[in-house]
Amino acid sequence: MGPIRAWVALSAVAVASVADGAAELRSPRLTVRVFDYARMPVRVLRYAGLQAAKVLRKAGIEPEWLACSPPSQACDAPMAGRDLVIRIVNRDPSGAGRAFARAIQPGDSPGVYATVYYGRVADAASRAGVSASLWLALAMDHEVAHLLGLADGQAGVMRAVFGRRDMDRASCGLLRFAPGEEEQLRAGMATRLAAEPIEAELASAAGTP
């Protein structure tokens, strides 16, 4: 099974695992385009996407993960307000710090791009005795939340540094966003969705002779 089909299968499994289908349909849909420059095993990325999606759904956000390595037609489509991009690379080219990922926040504008350093994720997971896919899922959720307006917190997914207890809770599906953070996520998503008609109108006007 190729990477794209694998992620389509992942989406089907994730949707089937949601007990309340009606509530899921009411959740704002977020599209995350994932570019895997680290060339990690498909199974690692697939499981990380499944785990990350579960946490976002608990916060009231319905994610759609697009595997963009190699790019598909959907990955090449124009970006909209609901679209984010995660780039997974092996190492931080700057070599500075020990962050597992970074979100790019351009001033007061909503962020769109985040980068995850898979080498650091895999090393940390190995030292903690947990799967790399689990740590990767937390890193992706953490950066998606930054792009939706959240700052680092004291507990849960938004902790700046994950500890052993955090990973134990994550492996049991118990690590999530704090209630106040879940509200912030939904508000951030609503702001992006509200801007989409304006963006479309400006794009249309720009293309008018």
C-alpha atoms as a PDB file:
ATOM      1  CA  MET A   1       0.000   0.000   0.000  1.00  0.00           C
ATOM      2  CA  GLY A   2       1.482   3.391  -1.017  1.00  0.00           C
ATOM      3  CA  PRO A   3       1.771   6.345   1.363  1.00  0.00           C
ATOM      4  CA  ILE A   4      -1.301   8.148   0.028  1.00  0.00           C
ATOM      5  CA  ARG A   5      -3.534   5.079   0.106  1.00  0.00           C
ATOM      6  CA  ALA A   6      -2.200   4.259   3.555  1.00  0.00           C
ATOM      7  CA  TRP A   7      -3.349   7.618   4.850  1.00  0.00           C
ATOM      8  CA  VAL A   8      -6.727   7.252   3.163  1.00  0.00           C
ATOM      9  CA  ALA A   9      -7.104   3.957   5.028  1.00  0.00           C
ATOM     10  CA  LEU A  10      -6.049   5.716   8.218  1.00  0.00           C
ATOM     11  CA  SER A  11      -8.786   8.302   7.784  1.00  0.00           C
ATOM     12  CA  ALA A  12     -11.379   5.565   7.352  1.00  0.00           C
ATOM     13  CA  VAL A  13     -10.267   3.808  10.535  1.00  0.00           C
ATOM     14  CA  ALA A  14     -10.196   7.056  12.491  1.00  0.00           C
ATOM     15  CA  VAL A  15     -13.693   8.052  11.391  1.00  0.00           C
ATOM     16  CA  ALA A  16     -15.047   4.611  12.254  1.00  0.00           C
ATOM     17  CA  SER A  17     -13.588   4.882  15.759  1.00  0.00           C
ATOM     18  CA  VAL A  18     -15.642   7.986  16.639  1.00  0.00           C
ATOM     19  CA  ALA A  19     -18.686   6.983  18.630  1.00  0.00           C
ATOM     20  CA  ASP A  20     -20.767  10.095  18.069  1.00  0.00           C
ATOM     21  CA  GLY A  21     -20.850  10.629  14.296  1.00  0.00           C
ATOM     22  CA  ALA A  22     -23.180  13.609  14.528  1.00  0.00           C
ATOM     23  CA  ALA A  23     -20.832  15.455  16.878  1.00  0.00           C
ATOM     24  CA  GLU A  24     -17.932  14.730  14.528  1.00  0.00           C
ATOM     25  CA  LEU A  25     -19.773  16.282  11.566  1.00  0.00           C
ATOM     26  CA  ARG A  26     -20.315  19.471  13.570  1.00  0.00           C
ATOM     27  CA  SER A  27     -16.606  19.806  14.361  1.00  0.00           C
ATOM     28  CA  PRO A  28     -14.684  22.343  12.263  1.00  0.00           C
ATOM     29  CA  ARG A  29     -12.510  20.533   9.709  1.00  0.00           C
ATOM     30  CA  LEU A  30      -8.794  21.240   9.611  1.00  0.00           C
ATOM     31  CA  THR A  31      -6.574  20.086   6.738  1.00  0.00           C
ATOM     32  CA  VAL A  32      -2.931  19.328   7.506  1.00  0.00           C
ATOM     33  CA  ARG A  33      -0.567  18.735   4.582  1.00  0.00           C
ATOM     34  CA  VAL A  34       2.316  16.566   5.778  1.00  0.00           C
ATOM     35  CA  PHE A  35       5.582  16.568   3.825  1.00  0.00           C
ATOM     36  CA  ASP A  36       7.869  13.750   4.955  1.00  0.00           C
ATOM     37  CA  TYR A  37      11.395  14.792   4.021  1.00  0.00           C
ATOM     38  CA  ALA A  38      12.797  12.421   6.666  1.00  0.00           C
ATOM     39  CA  ARG A  39      11.546   9.416   4.659  1.00  0.00           C
ATOM     40  CA  MET A  40      10.371   7.637   7.761  1.00  0.00           C
ATOM     41  CA  PRO A  41       8.565   4.270   7.634  1.00  0.00           C
ATOM     42  CA  VAL A  42       4.985   4.674   6.423  1.00  0.00           C
ATOM     43  CA  ARG A  43       3.671   2.734   9.430  1.00  0.00           C
ATOM     44  CA  VAL A  44       5.259   5.263  11.832  1.00  0.00           C
ATOM     45  CA  LEU A  45       3.668   8.218  10.072  1.00  0.00           C
ATOM     46  CA  ARG A  46       0.324   6.438   9.702  1.00  0.00           C
ATOM     47  CA  TYR A  47       0.081   5.540  13.392  1.00  0.00           C
ATOM     48  CA  ALA A  48       1.244   9.026  14.433  1.00  0.00           C
ATOM     49  CA  GLY A  49      -1.503  10.546  12.301  1.00  0.00           C
ATOM     50  CA  LEU A  50      -4.112   8.284  13.872  1.00  0.00           C
ATOM     51  CA  GLN A  51      -3.007   9.150  17.405  1.00  0.00           C
ATOM     52  CA  ALA A  52      -2.743  12.875  16.675  1.00  0.00           C
ATOM     53  CA  ALA A  53      -6.227  12.889  15.123  1.00  0.00           C
ATOM     54  CA  LYS A  54      -7.770  11.313  18.223  1.00  0.00           C
ATOM     55  CA  VAL A  55      -6.410  14.069  20.467  1.00  0.00           C
ATOM     56  CA  LEU A  56      -7.631  16.850  18.168  1.00  0.00           C
ATOM     57  CA  ARG A  57     -11.081  15.259  17.900  1.00  0.00           C
ATOM     58  CA  LYS A  58     -11.393  15.256  21.679  1.00  0.00           C
ATOM     59  CA  ALA A  59     -10.802  19.015  21.493  1.00  0.00           C
ATOM     60  CA  GLY A  60     -13.567  19.428  18.896  1.00  0.00           C
ATOM     61  CA  ILE A  61     -11.363  19.725  15.804  1.00  0.00           C
ATOM     62  CA  GLU A  62     -11.823  17.261  12.933  1.00  0.00           C
ATOM     63  CA  PRO A  63      -8.458  16.846  11.142  1.00  0.00           C
ATOM     64  CA  GLU A  64      -7.830  15.612   7.635  1.00  0.00           C
ATOM     65  CA  TRP A  65      -4.208  14.536   7.127  1.00  0.00           C
ATOM     66  CA  LEU A  66      -2.854  14.653   3.593  1.00  0.00           C
ATOM     67  CA  ALA A  67       0.300  12.655   2.873  1.00  0.00           C
ATOM     68  CA  CYS A  68       2.238  14.897   0.497  1.00  0.00           C
ATOM     69  CA  SER A  69       5.373  12.823  -0.106  1.00  0.00           C
ATOM     70  CA  PRO A  70       5.121  12.373  -3.032  1.00  0.00           C
ATOM     71  CA  PRO A  71       2.747  15.329  -3.616  1.00  0.00           C
ATOM     72  CA  SER A  72      -0.789  14.634  -4.765  1.00  0.00           C
ATOM     73  CA  GLN A  73      -3.213  16.922  -6.564  1.00  0.00           C
ATOM     74  CA  ALA A  74      -4.789  17.838  -3.212  1.00  0.00           C
ATOM     75  CA  CYS A  75      -1.378  18.833  -1.850  1.00  0.00           C
ATOM     76  CA  ASP A  76      -0.803  21.175  -4.791  1.00  0.00           C
ATOM     77  CA  ALA A  77      -4.148  22.930  -4.404  1.00  0.00           C
ATOM     78  CA  PRO A  78      -4.184  26.593  -3.266  1.00  0.00           C
ATOM     79  CA  MET A  79      -4.045  27.051   0.491  1.00  0.00           C
ATOM     80  CA  ALA A  80      -7.171  28.110   2.393  1.00  0.00           C
ATOM     81  CA  GLY A  81      -7.684  29.312   5.945  1.00  0.00           C
ATOM     82  CA  ARG A  82      -8.259  25.796   7.234  1.00  0.00           C
ATOM     83  CA  ASP A  83      -4.996  24.488   5.719  1.00  0.00           C
ATOM     84  CA  LEU A  84      -1.762  23.965   7.645  1.00  0.00           C
ATOM     85  CA  VAL A  85       1.566  22.463   6.595  1.00  0.00           C
ATOM     86  CA  ILE A  86       3.828  20.208   8.669  1.00  0.00           C
ATOM     87  CA  ARG A  87       7.281  19.433   7.290  1.00  0.00           C
ATOM     88  CA  ILE A  88       9.100  16.494   8.860  1.00  0.00           C
ATOM     89  CA  VAL A  89      12.885  16.574   8.522  1.00  0.00           C
ATOM     90  CA  ASN A  90      15.621  14.538  10.173  1.00  0.00           C
ATOM     91  CA  ARG A  91      17.575  17.322  11.842  1.00  0.00           C
ATOM     92  CA  ASP A  92      17.363  20.997  12.702  1.00  0.00           C
ATOM     93  CA  PRO A  93      19.728  22.576  10.148  1.00  0.00           C
ATOM     94  CA  SER A  94      20.640  25.319  12.618  1.00  0.00           C
ATOM     95  CA  GLY A  95      21.763  22.747  15.187  1.00  0.00           C
ATOM     96  CA  ALA A  96      20.603  25.135  17.905  1.00  0.00           C
ATOM     97  CA  GLY A  97      18.538  24.158  20.920  1.00  0.00           C
ATOM     98  CA  ARG A  98      16.800  20.884  21.652  1.00  0.00           C
ATOM     99  CA  ALA A  99      13.285  21.583  20.389  1.00  0.00           C
ATOM    100  CA  PHE A 100      11.466  18.682  18.754  1.00  0.00           C
ATOM    101  CA  ALA A 101       9.573  21.037  16.440  1.00  0.00           C
ATOM    102  CA  ARG A 102       9.013  24.686  15.599  1.00  0.00           C
ATOM    103  CA  ALA A 103       5.965  26.590  14.384  1.00  0.00           C
ATOM    104  CA  ILE A 104       6.514  29.687  12.263  1.00  0.00           C
ATOM    105  CA  GLN A 105       4.496  32.597  13.600  1.00  0.00           C
ATOM    106  CA  PRO A 106       4.696  35.601  11.218  1.00  0.00           C
ATOM    107  CA  GLY A 107       3.921  38.496  13.550  1.00  0.00           C
ATOM    108  CA  ASP A 108       0.207  38.972  14.175  1.00  0.00           C
ATOM    109  CA  SER A 109      -0.827  36.835  11.190  1.00  0.00           C
ATOM    110  CA  PRO A 110      -2.006  33.243  11.701  1.00  0.00           C
ATOM    111  CA  GLY A 111       0.792  30.728  11.279  1.00  0.00           C
ATOM    112  CA  VAL A 112       0.676  28.105   8.543  1.00  0.00           C
ATOM    113  CA  TYR A 113       3.979  26.176   8.642  1.00  0.00           C
ATOM    114  CA  ALA A 114       5.562  23.961  11.296  1.00  0.00           C
ATOM    115  CA  THR A 115       8.634  21.751  11.133  1.00  0.00           C
ATOM    116  CA  VAL A 116       9.186  18.567  13.167  1.00  0.00           C
ATOM    117  CA  TYR A 117      12.709  17.217  13.700  1.00  0.00           C
ATOM    118  CA  TYR A 118      12.234  13.479  13.479  1.00  0.00           C
ATOM    119  CA  GLY A 119      15.790  12.661  14.550  1.00  0.00           C
ATOM    120  CA  ARG A 120      15.222  14.330  17.925  1.00  0.00           C
ATOM    121  CA  VAL A 121      11.776  12.760  18.232  1.00  0.00           C
ATOM    122  CA  ALA A 122      13.136   9.257  17.559  1.00  0.00           C
ATOM    123  CA  ASP A 123      16.078   9.730  19.957  1.00  0.00           C
ATOM    124  CA  ALA A 124      13.827  10.975  22.762  1.00  0.00           C
ATOM    125  CA  ALA A 125      11.336   8.157  22.196  1.00  0.00           C
ATOM    126  CA  SER A 126      14.126   5.578  22.333  1.00  0.00           C
ATOM    127  CA  ARG A 127      15.447   6.976  25.622  1.00  0.00           C
ATOM    128  CA  ALA A 128      11.944   6.995  27.114  1.00  0.00           C
ATOM    129  CA  GLY A 129      11.156   3.480  25.892  1.00  0.00           C
ATOM    130  CA  VAL A 130       8.093   4.522  23.865  1.00  0.00           C
ATOM    131  CA  SER A 131       7.307   4.373  20.160  1.00  0.00           C
ATOM    132  CA  ALA A 132       8.545   7.135  17.876  1.00  0.00           C
ATOM    133  CA  SER A 133       5.061   7.384  16.380  1.00  0.00           C
ATOM    134  CA  LEU A 134       3.565   8.262  19.778  1.00  0.00           C
ATOM    135  CA  TRP A 135       6.103  11.039  20.382  1.00  0.00           C
ATOM    136  CA  LEU A 136       5.656  12.251  16.798  1.00  0.00           C
ATOM    137  CA  ALA A 137       1.885  12.453  17.305  1.00  0.00           C
ATOM    138  CA  LEU A 138       2.341  14.673  20.360  1.00  0.00           C
ATOM    139  CA  ALA A 139       4.822  16.879  18.520  1.00  0.00           C
ATOM    140  CA  MET A 140       2.405  17.344  15.601  1.00  0.00           C
ATOM    141  CA  ASP A 141      -0.558  18.135  17.867  1.00  0.00           C
ATOM    142  CA  HIS A 142       1.587  20.576  19.869  1.00  0.00           C
ATOM    143  CA  GLU A 143       2.643  22.478  16.731  1.00  0.00           C
ATOM    144  CA  VAL A 144      -0.845  22.449  15.198  1.00  0.00           C
ATOM    145  CA  ALA A 145      -2.074  24.051  18.425  1.00  0.00           C
ATOM    146  CA  HIS A 146       0.626  26.736  18.217  1.00  0.00           C
ATOM    147  CA  LEU A 147      -0.520  27.529  14.667  1.00  0.00           C
ATOM    148  CA  LEU A 148      -4.091  27.836  15.955  1.00  0.00           C
ATOM    149  CA  GLY A 149      -2.995  30.369  18.574  1.00  0.00           C
ATOM    150  CA  LEU A 150      -2.072  28.401  21.706  1.00  0.00           C
ATOM    151  CA  ALA A 151       1.015  29.083  23.810  1.00  0.00           C
ATOM    152  CA  ASP A 152       2.984  26.524  25.822  1.00  0.00           C
ATOM    153  CA  GLY A 153       1.184  25.361  28.959  1.00  0.00           C
ATOM    154  CA  GLN A 154       1.949  23.656  32.254  1.00  0.00           C
ATOM    155  CA  ALA A 155       0.356  20.300  31.546  1.00  0.00           C
ATOM    156  CA  GLY A 156      -1.008  18.047  28.827  1.00  0.00           C
ATOM    157  CA  VAL A 157      -0.234  18.345  25.122  1.00  0.00           C
ATOM    158  CA  MET A 158       0.992  21.941  25.448  1.00  0.00           C
ATOM    159  CA  ARG A 159       3.758  21.221  27.960  1.00  0.00           C
ATOM    160  CA  ALA A 160       7.036  22.625  26.690  1.00  0.00           C
ATOM    161  CA  VAL A 161       8.868  19.475  27.833  1.00  0.00           C
ATOM    162  CA  PHE A 162       7.252  16.024  27.971  1.00  0.00           C
ATOM    163  CA  GLY A 163       8.097  13.776  30.921  1.00  0.00           C
ATOM    164  CA  ARG A 164       7.757  10.065  31.519  1.00  0.00           C
ATOM    165  CA  ARG A 165       4.344  10.487  33.114  1.00  0.00           C
ATOM    166  CA  ASP A 166       3.144  12.421  30.063  1.00  0.00           C
ATOM    167  CA  MET A 167       4.205   9.587  27.780  1.00  0.00           C
ATOM    168  CA  ASP A 168       2.533   6.998  30.010  1.00  0.00           C
ATOM    169  CA  ARG A 169      -0.707   8.982  29.831  1.00  0.00           C
ATOM    170  CA  ALA A 170      -0.333   9.438  26.076  1.00  0.00           C
ATOM    171  CA  SER A 171       0.141   5.704  25.538  1.00  0.00           C
ATOM    172  CA  CYS A 172      -3.178   5.134  27.337  1.00  0.00           C
ATOM    173  CA  GLY A 173      -4.950   7.851  25.347  1.00  0.00           C
ATOM    174  CA  LEU A 174      -5.271  10.083  28.418  1.00  0.00           C
ATOM    175  CA  LEU A 175      -3.039  12.999  27.446  1.00  0.00           C
ATOM    176  CA  ARG A 176      -5.079  15.801  25.911  1.00  0.00           C
ATOM    177  CA  PHE A 177      -5.495  19.565  25.815  1.00  0.00           C
ATOM    178  CA  ALA A 178      -6.744  21.347  28.925  1.00  0.00           C
ATOM    179  CA  PRO A 179     -10.437  22.422  28.744  1.00  0.00           C
ATOM    180  CA  GLY A 180      -9.510  26.096  28.346  1.00  0.00           C
ATOM    181  CA  GLU A 181      -7.062  25.184  25.600  1.00  0.00           C
ATOM    182  CA  GLU A 182      -9.721  23.203  23.761  1.00  0.00           C
ATOM    183  CA  GLU A 183     -11.882  26.333  23.685  1.00  0.00           C
ATOM    184  CA  GLN A 184      -8.934  28.330  22.340  1.00  0.00           C
ATOM    185  CA  LEU A 185      -8.361  25.746  19.613  1.00  0.00           C
ATOM    186  CA  ARG A 186     -11.963  25.958  18.462  1.00  0.00           C
ATOM    187  CA  ALA A 187     -11.848  29.760  18.551  1.00  0.00           C
ATOM    188  CA  GLY A 188      -8.644  29.765  16.508  1.00  0.00           C
ATOM    189  CA  MET A 189     -10.212  27.417  13.992  1.00  0.00           C
ATOM    190  CA  ALA A 190     -13.359  29.575  13.795  1.00  0.00           C
ATOM    191  CA  THR A 191     -11.227  32.638  13.050  1.00  0.00           C
ATOM    192  CA  ARG A 192      -9.544  30.834  10.171  1.00  0.00           C
ATOM    193  CA  LEU A 193     -12.836  29.591   8.743  1.00  0.00           C
ATOM    194  CA  ALA A 194     -14.363  33.081   8.962  1.00  0.00           C
ATOM    195  CA  ALA A 195     -11.474  34.465   6.883  1.00  0.00           C
ATOM    196  CA  GLU A 196     -11.910  31.948   4.034  1.00  0.00           C
ATOM    197  CA  PRO A 197     -14.691  33.826   2.143  1.00  0.00           C
ATOM    198  CA  ILE A 198     -12.607  37.027   2.311  1.00  0.00           C
ATOM    199  CA  GLU A 199      -9.515  35.203   1.020  1.00  0.00           C
ATOM    200  CA  ALA A 200     -11.507  33.684  -1.831  1.00  0.00           C
ATOM    201  CA  GLU A 201     -12.942  37.083  -2.750  1.00  0.00           C
ATOM    202  CA  LEU A 202      -9.499  38.700  -2.777  1.00  0.00           C
ATOM    203  CA  ALA A 203      -8.085  35.858  -4.887  1.00  0.00           C
ATOM    204  CA  SER A 204     -10.945  36.234  -7.357  1.00  0.00           C
ATOM    205  CA  ALA A 205     -10.428  39.993  -7.558  1.00  0.00           C
ATOM    206  CA  ALA A 206      -6.702  39.530  -8.125  1.00  0.00           C
ATOM    207  CA  GLY A 207      -7.403  37.255 -11.081  1.00  0.00           C
ATOM    208  CA  THR A 208      -9.845  39.678 -12.708  1.00  0.00           C
ATOM    209  CA  PRO A 209      -8.357  41.481 -15.735  1.00  0.00           C
END
